[in-house]
Amino acid sequence: MGEHDRVMCPLVEEMIENIDCIENSDAVDGLIKKSSVPDRFKGKPEWENICRECQWHNY
């Protein structure tokens, strides 16, 4: 895997695959349905804001 094939996700506080990050960001930005985001990423209150403020948002 390359340098950024996995990134630290503040939503689950663990390394996730970059495609999961991209899909979560796209959902938060309204490009895809939020229902497509797995529940494990939506466990924290304000999960959308946490995602928007993450350094990897718009990866």
C-alpha atoms as a PDB file:
ATOM      1  CA  MET A   1       0.000   0.000   0.000  1.00  0.00           C
ATOM      2  CA  GLY A   2       1.081   3.531  -0.695  1.00  0.00           C
ATOM      3  CA  GLU A   3       1.738   6.257   1.821  1.00  0.00           C
ATOM      4  CA  HIS A   4      -1.889   7.418   2.043  1.00  0.00           C
ATOM      5  CA  ASP A   5      -3.828   4.244   1.217  1.00  0.00           C
ATOM      6  CA  ARG A   6      -5.000   4.403   4.838  1.00  0.00           C
ATOM      7  CA  VAL A   7      -5.683   7.531   6.859  1.00  0.00           C
ATOM      8  CA  MET A   8      -6.468   8.248  10.507  1.00  0.00           C
ATOM      9  CA  CYS A   9     -10.201   8.844  10.822  1.00  0.00           C
ATOM     10  CA  PRO A  10     -11.369  10.938  13.795  1.00  0.00           C
ATOM     11  CA  LEU A  11     -14.842   9.439  13.496  1.00  0.00           C
ATOM     12  CA  VAL A  12     -13.644   5.992  14.572  1.00  0.00           C
ATOM     13  CA  GLU A  13     -10.192   6.951  15.872  1.00  0.00           C
ATOM     14  CA  GLU A  14      -8.421   4.340  13.770  1.00  0.00           C
ATOM     15  CA  MET A  15      -6.798   3.944  10.392  1.00  0.00           C
ATOM     16  CA  ILE A  16      -9.301   3.423   7.581  1.00  0.00           C
ATOM     17  CA  GLU A  17      -8.939   2.798   3.855  1.00  0.00           C
ATOM     18  CA  ASN A  18      -8.785   5.974   1.810  1.00  0.00           C
ATOM     19  CA  ILE A  19     -11.869   4.956  -0.198  1.00  0.00           C
ATOM     20  CA  ASP A  20     -13.934   4.895   3.018  1.00  0.00           C
ATOM     21  CA  CYS A  21     -12.681   8.393   3.771  1.00  0.00           C
ATOM     22  CA  ILE A  22     -13.566   9.613   0.292  1.00  0.00           C
ATOM     23  CA  GLU A  23     -17.055   8.124   0.459  1.00  0.00           C
ATOM     24  CA  ASN A  24     -17.708   9.599   3.912  1.00  0.00           C
ATOM     25  CA  SER A  25     -16.534  13.030   2.735  1.00  0.00           C
ATOM     26  CA  ASP A  26     -18.703  12.816  -0.376  1.00  0.00           C
ATOM     27  CA  ALA A  27     -21.747  11.975   1.760  1.00  0.00           C
ATOM     28  CA  VAL A  28     -21.093  14.865   4.149  1.00  0.00           C
ATOM     29  CA  ASP A  29     -20.735  17.192   1.151  1.00  0.00           C
ATOM     30  CA  GLY A  30     -24.040  15.979  -0.295  1.00  0.00           C
ATOM     31  CA  LEU A  31     -22.550  14.248  -3.327  1.00  0.00           C
ATOM     32  CA  ILE A  32     -23.908  10.846  -2.287  1.00  0.00           C
ATOM     33  CA  LYS A  33     -26.582   9.785   0.194  1.00  0.00           C
ATOM     34  CA  LYS A  34     -25.680   9.962   3.878  1.00  0.00           C
ATOM     35  CA  SER A  35     -27.451   6.644   4.323  1.00  0.00           C
ATOM     36  CA  SER A  36     -24.531   5.058   2.440  1.00  0.00           C
ATOM     37  CA  VAL A  37     -22.162   5.904   5.317  1.00  0.00           C
ATOM     38  CA  PRO A  38     -21.715   2.838   7.549  1.00  0.00           C
ATOM     39  CA  ASP A  39     -23.118   3.271  11.057  1.00  0.00           C
ATOM     40  CA  ARG A  40     -19.680   2.858  12.628  1.00  0.00           C
ATOM     41  CA  PHE A  41     -18.716   6.265  11.198  1.00  0.00           C
ATOM     42  CA  LYS A  42     -21.873   7.982  12.493  1.00  0.00           C
ATOM     43  CA  GLY A  43     -21.529   7.066  16.165  1.00  0.00           C
ATOM     44  CA  LYS A  44     -20.273  10.415  17.429  1.00  0.00           C
ATOM     45  CA  PRO A  45     -22.540  13.436  17.851  1.00  0.00           C
ATOM     46  CA  GLU A  46     -21.704  16.026  15.215  1.00  0.00           C
ATOM     47  CA  TRP A  47     -20.034  13.348  13.058  1.00  0.00           C
ATOM     48  CA  GLU A  48     -20.585  15.426   9.945  1.00  0.00           C
ATOM     49  CA  ASN A  49     -18.762  18.441  11.391  1.00  0.00           C
ATOM     50  CA  ILE A  50     -15.938  16.215  12.610  1.00  0.00           C
ATOM     51  CA  CYS A  51     -15.558  14.861   9.092  1.00  0.00           C
ATOM     52  CA  ARG A  52     -15.669  18.341   7.519  1.00  0.00           C
ATOM     53  CA  GLU A  53     -12.930  19.576   9.859  1.00  0.00           C
ATOM     54  CA  CYS A  54     -10.664  16.571   9.328  1.00  0.00           C
ATOM     55  CA  GLN A  55      -7.368  17.121   7.522  1.00  0.00           C
ATOM     56  CA  TRP A  56      -8.313  14.362   5.072  1.00  0.00           C
ATOM     57  CA  HIS A  57     -11.670  15.882   4.079  1.00  0.00           C
ATOM     58  CA  ASN A  58     -11.514  16.514   0.305  1.00  0.00           C
ATOM     59  CA  TYR A  59      -8.763  13.876   0.061  1.00  0.00           C
END
